[in-house]
Amino acid sequence: AAILEKPFHLDALLEAVATATGRSVPFDRSDAGEKARTRELVTALQHRGATEIEPSKRREWATFRDMKQHLCQIYWWQARGVYQVGRYTEAGKLAMIGQFIDRDVAIDIALPEQGVVIPARR
């Protein structure tokens, strides 16, 4: 937002902080905010070809089938600020694929293009 040379005036610092904080959008923790983020997640999954999408009614997460019919899950972990991506094994255990800050990257990993294989962790 700004670069201040030392020594700087307090008014200049306060103005720079006000400019920087005015650019950010506070995280909406309300039920309406959660529902809006979940709708956006579902829409993004649909556009990437996910099927059988089952979103949460309370939090930003969803289970879905990928192109190879694997059951997958994306979950927003607010405390850590990451999307967790996992794929269920045949035994019904959720195998973690990874954690990602960016939702679109998480979706790219969960729904790779045809022919790209993401190895499951053991």
N, C-alpha and C. Protein backbone atom coordinates (compact mmCIF):
# COMPACT_ATOMS: atom_id res chain seq x y z
N ALA A 1 0.82 -1.20 0.00
CA ALA A 1 0.00 0.00 0.00
C ALA A 1 0.86 1.25 0.00
N ALA A 2 1.99 1.19 0.70
CA ALA A 2 2.84 2.38 0.76
C ALA A 2 4.23 2.01 1.26
N ILE A 3 5.16 2.85 0.92
CA ILE A 3 6.52 2.74 1.45
C ILE A 3 6.81 4.06 2.13
N LEU A 4 7.18 3.98 3.40
CA LEU A 4 7.48 5.20 4.15
C LEU A 4 8.96 5.22 4.48
N GLU A 5 9.58 6.35 4.20
CA GLU A 5 10.99 6.51 4.55
C GLU A 5 11.09 6.99 5.98
N LYS A 6 12.13 6.55 6.66
CA LYS A 6 12.36 7.00 8.04
C LYS A 6 13.15 8.28 8.02
N PRO A 7 12.93 9.16 8.88
CA PRO A 7 11.83 9.18 9.84
C PRO A 7 10.54 9.57 9.12
N PHE A 8 9.43 9.02 9.57
CA PHE A 8 8.14 9.33 8.94
C PHE A 8 7.24 10.00 9.96
N HIS A 9 6.25 10.70 9.44
CA HIS A 9 5.28 11.36 10.30
C HIS A 9 4.19 10.34 10.65
N LEU A 10 3.69 10.42 11.87
CA LEU A 10 2.65 9.51 12.32
C LEU A 10 1.41 9.58 11.43
N ASP A 11 1.06 10.75 10.97
CA ASP A 11 -0.09 10.90 10.08
C ASP A 11 0.10 10.10 8.79
N ALA A 12 1.33 10.09 8.27
CA ALA A 12 1.61 9.33 7.04
C ALA A 12 1.46 7.83 7.30
N LEU A 13 1.91 7.37 8.47
CA LEU A 13 1.78 5.96 8.82
C LEU A 13 0.30 5.59 8.95
N LEU A 14 -0.46 6.39 9.65
CA LEU A 14 -1.89 6.10 9.84
C LEU A 14 -2.63 6.09 8.50
N GLU A 15 -2.27 6.99 7.62
CA GLU A 15 -2.90 7.03 6.30
C GLU A 15 -2.56 5.76 5.51
N ALA A 16 -1.30 5.31 5.58
CA ALA A 16 -0.89 4.09 4.86
C ALA A 16 -1.62 2.87 5.42
N VAL A 17 -1.76 2.79 6.73
CA VAL A 17 -2.48 1.66 7.34
C VAL A 17 -3.95 1.69 6.94
N ALA A 18 -4.56 2.86 6.95
CA ALA A 18 -5.97 2.98 6.55
C ALA A 18 -6.16 2.56 5.10
N THR A 19 -5.24 2.92 4.24
CA THR A 19 -5.32 2.52 2.83
C THR A 19 -5.20 1.01 2.69
N ALA A 20 -4.23 0.42 3.40
CA ALA A 20 -4.01 -1.02 3.30
C ALA A 20 -5.20 -1.81 3.85
N THR A 21 -5.73 -1.41 4.98
CA THR A 21 -6.85 -2.15 5.56
C THR A 21 -8.13 -1.93 4.78
N GLY A 22 -8.23 -0.81 4.11
CA GLY A 22 -9.41 -0.56 3.29
C GLY A 22 -9.46 -1.44 2.06
N ARG A 23 -8.33 -2.03 1.69
CA ARG A 23 -8.27 -2.90 0.52
C ARG A 23 -8.69 -4.32 0.84
N SER A 24 -8.65 -4.71 2.09
CA SER A 24 -8.98 -6.08 2.44
C SER A 24 -10.47 -6.22 2.75
N VAL A 25 -10.97 -7.42 2.56
CA VAL A 25 -12.37 -7.72 2.85
C VAL A 25 -12.39 -8.64 4.05
N PRO A 26 -13.09 -8.27 5.11
CA PRO A 26 -13.11 -9.14 6.29
C PRO A 26 -13.80 -10.47 5.98
N PHE A 27 -13.32 -11.53 6.61
CA PHE A 27 -13.89 -12.85 6.43
C PHE A 27 -15.27 -12.88 7.08
N ASP A 28 -16.27 -13.29 6.32
CA ASP A 28 -17.65 -13.33 6.80
C ASP A 28 -17.91 -14.67 7.47
N ARG A 29 -17.97 -14.68 8.79
CA ARG A 29 -18.17 -15.91 9.56
C ARG A 29 -19.64 -16.26 9.74
N SER A 30 -20.54 -15.46 9.23
CA SER A 30 -21.97 -15.68 9.42
C SER A 30 -22.44 -16.92 8.65
N ASP A 31 -23.63 -17.41 9.01
CA ASP A 31 -24.22 -18.52 8.27
C ASP A 31 -24.41 -18.17 6.80
N ALA A 32 -24.81 -16.93 6.54
CA ALA A 32 -25.00 -16.49 5.15
C ALA A 32 -23.67 -16.53 4.39
N GLY A 33 -22.58 -16.12 5.05
CA GLY A 33 -21.26 -16.17 4.42
C GLY A 33 -20.84 -17.60 4.12
N GLU A 34 -21.06 -18.51 5.07
CA GLU A 34 -20.73 -19.93 4.86
C GLU A 34 -21.52 -20.49 3.68
N LYS A 35 -22.81 -20.19 3.64
CA LYS A 35 -23.66 -20.70 2.56
C LYS A 35 -23.24 -20.15 1.20
N ALA A 36 -22.87 -18.88 1.17
CA ALA A 36 -22.43 -18.27 -0.10
C ALA A 36 -21.14 -18.92 -0.58
N ARG A 37 -20.18 -19.14 0.32
CA ARG A 37 -18.92 -19.78 -0.07
C ARG A 37 -19.16 -21.22 -0.53
N THR A 38 -20.10 -21.92 0.14
CA THR A 38 -20.40 -23.29 -0.26
C THR A 38 -21.03 -23.32 -1.65
N ARG A 39 -21.94 -22.37 -1.93
CA ARG A 39 -22.53 -22.30 -3.28
C ARG A 39 -21.46 -22.06 -4.33
N GLU A 40 -20.50 -21.17 -4.03
CA GLU A 40 -19.41 -20.90 -4.96
C GLU A 40 -18.56 -22.15 -5.18
N LEU A 41 -18.31 -22.90 -4.10
CA LEU A 41 -17.54 -24.14 -4.21
C LEU A 41 -18.27 -25.14 -5.10
N VAL A 42 -19.57 -25.31 -4.89
CA VAL A 42 -20.37 -26.25 -5.69
C VAL A 42 -20.35 -25.84 -7.17
N THR A 43 -20.51 -24.56 -7.43
CA THR A 43 -20.49 -24.07 -8.82
C THR A 43 -19.14 -24.36 -9.46
N ALA A 44 -18.06 -24.10 -8.74
CA ALA A 44 -16.72 -24.36 -9.28
C ALA A 44 -16.52 -25.85 -9.53
N LEU A 45 -17.00 -26.71 -8.63
CA LEU A 45 -16.88 -28.16 -8.83
C LEU A 45 -17.68 -28.61 -10.05
N GLN A 46 -18.88 -28.07 -10.21
CA GLN A 46 -19.70 -28.42 -11.37
C GLN A 46 -19.00 -28.05 -12.67
N HIS A 47 -18.40 -26.86 -12.70
CA HIS A 47 -17.71 -26.41 -13.91
C HIS A 47 -16.52 -27.29 -14.26
N ARG A 48 -15.92 -27.93 -13.25
CA ARG A 48 -14.77 -28.80 -13.50
C ARG A 48 -15.16 -30.24 -13.75
N GLY A 49 -16.47 -30.55 -13.72
CA GLY A 49 -16.91 -31.90 -14.08
C GLY A 49 -17.22 -32.82 -12.92
N ALA A 50 -17.22 -32.33 -11.70
CA ALA A 50 -17.57 -33.17 -10.56
C ALA A 50 -19.04 -33.58 -10.65
N THR A 51 -19.35 -34.77 -10.15
CA THR A 51 -20.73 -35.24 -10.14
C THR A 51 -21.09 -35.67 -8.72
N GLU A 52 -22.37 -35.92 -8.49
CA GLU A 52 -22.87 -36.37 -7.20
C GLU A 52 -22.36 -35.47 -6.06
N ILE A 53 -22.42 -34.18 -6.28
CA ILE A 53 -21.91 -33.21 -5.30
C ILE A 53 -22.88 -33.12 -4.13
N GLU A 54 -22.35 -33.33 -2.93
CA GLU A 54 -23.14 -33.23 -1.69
C GLU A 54 -22.50 -32.17 -0.81
N PRO A 55 -23.01 -30.95 -0.83
CA PRO A 55 -22.41 -29.88 0.00
C PRO A 55 -22.91 -29.93 1.43
N SER A 56 -22.14 -29.34 2.30
CA SER A 56 -22.55 -29.18 3.69
C SER A 56 -23.64 -28.11 3.77
N LYS A 57 -24.50 -28.25 4.73
CA LYS A 57 -25.53 -27.23 4.96
C LYS A 57 -25.04 -26.17 5.94
N ARG A 58 -23.88 -26.39 6.58
CA ARG A 58 -23.40 -25.46 7.59
C ARG A 58 -22.01 -24.90 7.31
N ARG A 59 -21.14 -25.63 6.68
CA ARG A 59 -19.76 -25.20 6.49
C ARG A 59 -19.38 -25.33 5.03
N GLU A 60 -18.26 -24.69 4.69
CA GLU A 60 -17.78 -24.73 3.30
C GLU A 60 -17.02 -26.03 3.05
N TRP A 61 -17.74 -27.06 2.67
CA TRP A 61 -17.13 -28.31 2.24
C TRP A 61 -18.12 -29.10 1.42
N ALA A 62 -17.61 -30.05 0.64
CA ALA A 62 -18.47 -30.88 -0.19
C ALA A 62 -17.77 -32.20 -0.48
N THR A 63 -18.57 -33.24 -0.62
CA THR A 63 -18.08 -34.50 -1.16
C THR A 63 -18.62 -34.61 -2.58
N PHE A 64 -17.90 -35.33 -3.44
CA PHE A 64 -18.27 -35.40 -4.85
C PHE A 64 -17.52 -36.54 -5.51
N ARG A 65 -17.92 -36.86 -6.71
CA ARG A 65 -17.22 -37.87 -7.52
C ARG A 65 -16.39 -37.17 -8.59
N ASP A 66 -15.17 -37.67 -8.77
CA ASP A 66 -14.33 -37.13 -9.84
C ASP A 66 -14.65 -37.87 -11.14
N MET A 67 -13.89 -37.59 -12.19
CA MET A 67 -14.17 -38.18 -13.50
C MET A 67 -13.99 -39.70 -13.52
N LYS A 68 -13.21 -40.20 -12.58
CA LYS A 68 -13.00 -41.65 -12.50
C LYS A 68 -13.91 -42.29 -11.45
N GLN A 69 -14.87 -41.53 -10.97
CA GLN A 69 -15.87 -41.97 -10.00
C GLN A 69 -15.31 -42.23 -8.60
N HIS A 70 -14.14 -41.67 -8.30
CA HIS A 70 -13.62 -41.72 -6.93
C HIS A 70 -14.42 -40.74 -6.08
N LEU A 71 -14.68 -41.10 -4.84
CA LEU A 71 -15.36 -40.21 -3.92
C LEU A 71 -14.31 -39.30 -3.28
N CYS A 72 -14.49 -37.99 -3.42
CA CYS A 72 -13.51 -37.00 -2.95
C CYS A 72 -14.18 -36.01 -2.01
N GLN A 73 -13.34 -35.24 -1.33
CA GLN A 73 -13.87 -34.22 -0.43
C GLN A 73 -12.94 -33.01 -0.42
N ILE A 74 -13.55 -31.83 -0.40
CA ILE A 74 -12.83 -30.58 -0.17
C ILE A 74 -13.48 -29.91 1.03
N TYR A 75 -12.63 -29.50 1.98
CA TYR A 75 -13.10 -28.92 3.23
C TYR A 75 -12.30 -27.68 3.55
N TRP A 76 -12.97 -26.56 3.84
CA TRP A 76 -12.28 -25.34 4.25
C TRP A 76 -12.05 -25.40 5.75
N TRP A 77 -10.79 -25.39 6.16
CA TRP A 77 -10.42 -25.43 7.57
C TRP A 77 -10.06 -24.00 7.97
N GLN A 78 -11.02 -23.30 8.53
CA GLN A 78 -10.86 -21.89 8.85
C GLN A 78 -9.69 -21.63 9.79
N ALA A 79 -9.52 -22.46 10.82
CA ALA A 79 -8.46 -22.22 11.81
C ALA A 79 -7.08 -22.22 11.18
N ARG A 80 -6.88 -23.03 10.16
CA ARG A 80 -5.57 -23.09 9.48
C ARG A 80 -5.54 -22.29 8.19
N GLY A 81 -6.69 -21.86 7.73
CA GLY A 81 -6.74 -21.08 6.50
C GLY A 81 -6.39 -21.87 5.26
N VAL A 82 -6.81 -23.15 5.22
CA VAL A 82 -6.49 -23.99 4.07
C VAL A 82 -7.69 -24.83 3.65
N TYR A 83 -7.69 -25.20 2.38
CA TYR A 83 -8.63 -26.19 1.88
C TYR A 83 -7.94 -27.54 1.97
N GLN A 84 -8.58 -28.49 2.62
CA GLN A 84 -8.07 -29.85 2.68
C GLN A 84 -8.74 -30.66 1.58
N VAL A 85 -7.94 -31.40 0.85
CA VAL A 85 -8.43 -32.22 -0.24
C VAL A 85 -8.12 -33.67 0.09
N GLY A 86 -9.14 -34.51 -0.05
CA GLY A 86 -8.95 -35.94 0.22
C GLY A 86 -9.73 -36.79 -0.74
N ARG A 87 -9.35 -38.05 -0.77
CA ARG A 87 -10.05 -39.02 -1.61
C ARG A 87 -10.29 -40.26 -0.75
N TYR A 88 -11.50 -40.78 -0.79
CA TYR A 88 -11.84 -41.96 0.00
C TYR A 88 -11.27 -43.21 -0.65
N THR A 89 -10.70 -44.09 0.18
CA THR A 89 -10.17 -45.36 -0.29
C THR A 89 -11.32 -46.36 -0.40
N GLU A 90 -11.03 -47.50 -0.98
CA GLU A 90 -12.05 -48.55 -1.08
C GLU A 90 -12.50 -49.02 0.30
N ALA A 91 -11.65 -48.88 1.30
CA ALA A 91 -11.99 -49.26 2.67
C ALA A 91 -12.81 -48.18 3.38
N GLY A 92 -13.06 -47.06 2.70
CA GLY A 92 -13.87 -45.99 3.29
C GLY A 92 -13.10 -44.99 4.11
N LYS A 93 -11.78 -45.05 4.07
CA LYS A 93 -10.94 -44.11 4.82
C LYS A 93 -10.61 -42.91 3.93
N LEU A 94 -10.66 -41.71 4.50
CA LEU A 94 -10.30 -40.50 3.75
C LEU A 94 -8.79 -40.35 3.73
N ALA A 95 -8.20 -40.49 2.55
CA ALA A 95 -6.76 -40.33 2.38
C ALA A 95 -6.49 -38.89 1.95
N MET A 96 -5.70 -38.18 2.74
CA MET A 96 -5.40 -36.78 2.44
C MET A 96 -4.52 -36.68 1.20
N ILE A 97 -4.90 -35.78 0.31
CA ILE A 97 -4.09 -35.48 -0.87
C ILE A 97 -3.22 -34.26 -0.58
N GLY A 98 -3.79 -33.26 0.11
CA GLY A 98 -3.00 -32.08 0.42
C GLY A 98 -3.84 -30.96 1.01
N GLN A 99 -3.15 -29.89 1.37
CA GLN A 99 -3.78 -28.68 1.90
C GLN A 99 -3.35 -27.51 1.04
N PHE A 100 -4.32 -26.65 0.69
CA PHE A 100 -4.06 -25.57 -0.25
C PHE A 100 -4.73 -24.29 0.21
N ILE A 101 -4.06 -23.17 0.06
CA ILE A 101 -4.61 -21.88 0.44
C ILE A 101 -5.67 -21.44 -0.57
N ASP A 102 -5.45 -21.72 -1.82
CA ASP A 102 -6.32 -21.27 -2.90
C ASP A 102 -7.36 -22.34 -3.25
N ARG A 103 -8.63 -21.95 -3.25
CA ARG A 103 -9.72 -22.89 -3.55
C ARG A 103 -9.58 -23.48 -4.94
N ASP A 104 -9.25 -22.66 -5.93
CA ASP A 104 -9.15 -23.15 -7.30
C ASP A 104 -8.03 -24.17 -7.46
N VAL A 105 -6.93 -23.97 -6.75
CA VAL A 105 -5.84 -24.95 -6.79
C VAL A 105 -6.30 -26.26 -6.15
N ALA A 106 -7.03 -26.17 -5.04
CA ALA A 106 -7.56 -27.37 -4.39
C ALA A 106 -8.46 -28.14 -5.35
N ILE A 107 -9.30 -27.43 -6.08
CA ILE A 107 -10.19 -28.08 -7.05
C ILE A 107 -9.38 -28.69 -8.19
N ASP A 108 -8.35 -27.98 -8.66
CA ASP A 108 -7.49 -28.52 -9.72
C ASP A 108 -6.84 -29.83 -9.29
N ILE A 109 -6.43 -29.92 -8.04
CA ILE A 109 -5.80 -31.14 -7.53
C ILE A 109 -6.84 -32.24 -7.37
N ALA A 110 -8.02 -31.89 -6.87
CA ALA A 110 -9.07 -32.90 -6.67
C ALA A 110 -9.64 -33.41 -7.99
N LEU A 111 -9.67 -32.55 -8.99
CA LEU A 111 -10.25 -32.90 -10.29
C LEU A 111 -9.24 -32.66 -11.40
N PRO A 112 -8.17 -33.46 -11.42
CA PRO A 112 -7.15 -33.26 -12.46
C PRO A 112 -7.72 -33.56 -13.84
N GLU A 113 -7.09 -32.96 -14.83
CA GLU A 113 -7.49 -33.23 -16.22
C GLU A 113 -7.36 -34.72 -16.49
N GLN A 114 -8.12 -35.21 -17.47
CA GLN A 114 -8.04 -36.62 -17.83
C GLN A 114 -6.60 -37.00 -18.15
N GLY A 115 -6.18 -38.13 -17.65
CA GLY A 115 -4.84 -38.63 -17.93
C GLY A 115 -3.81 -38.24 -16.88
N VAL A 116 -4.11 -37.27 -16.04
CA VAL A 116 -3.18 -36.87 -14.99
C VAL A 116 -3.53 -37.66 -13.73
N VAL A 117 -2.55 -38.33 -13.16
CA VAL A 117 -2.80 -39.16 -11.98
C VAL A 117 -2.13 -38.53 -10.78
N ILE A 118 -2.91 -38.32 -9.73
CA ILE A 118 -2.38 -37.84 -8.46
C ILE A 118 -2.22 -39.06 -7.57
N PRO A 119 -0.99 -39.43 -7.19
CA PRO A 119 -0.82 -40.63 -6.38
C PRO A 119 -1.43 -40.43 -4.98
N ALA A 120 -2.09 -41.47 -4.50
CA ALA A 120 -2.65 -41.42 -3.14
C ALA A 120 -1.56 -41.70 -2.14
N ARG A 121 -1.62 -41.01 -1.00
CA ARG A 121 -0.66 -41.26 0.09
C ARG A 121 -1.01 -42.58 0.76
N ARG A 122 0.01 -43.24 1.25
CA ARG A 122 -0.22 -44.52 1.96
C ARG A 122 0.02 -44.35 3.43
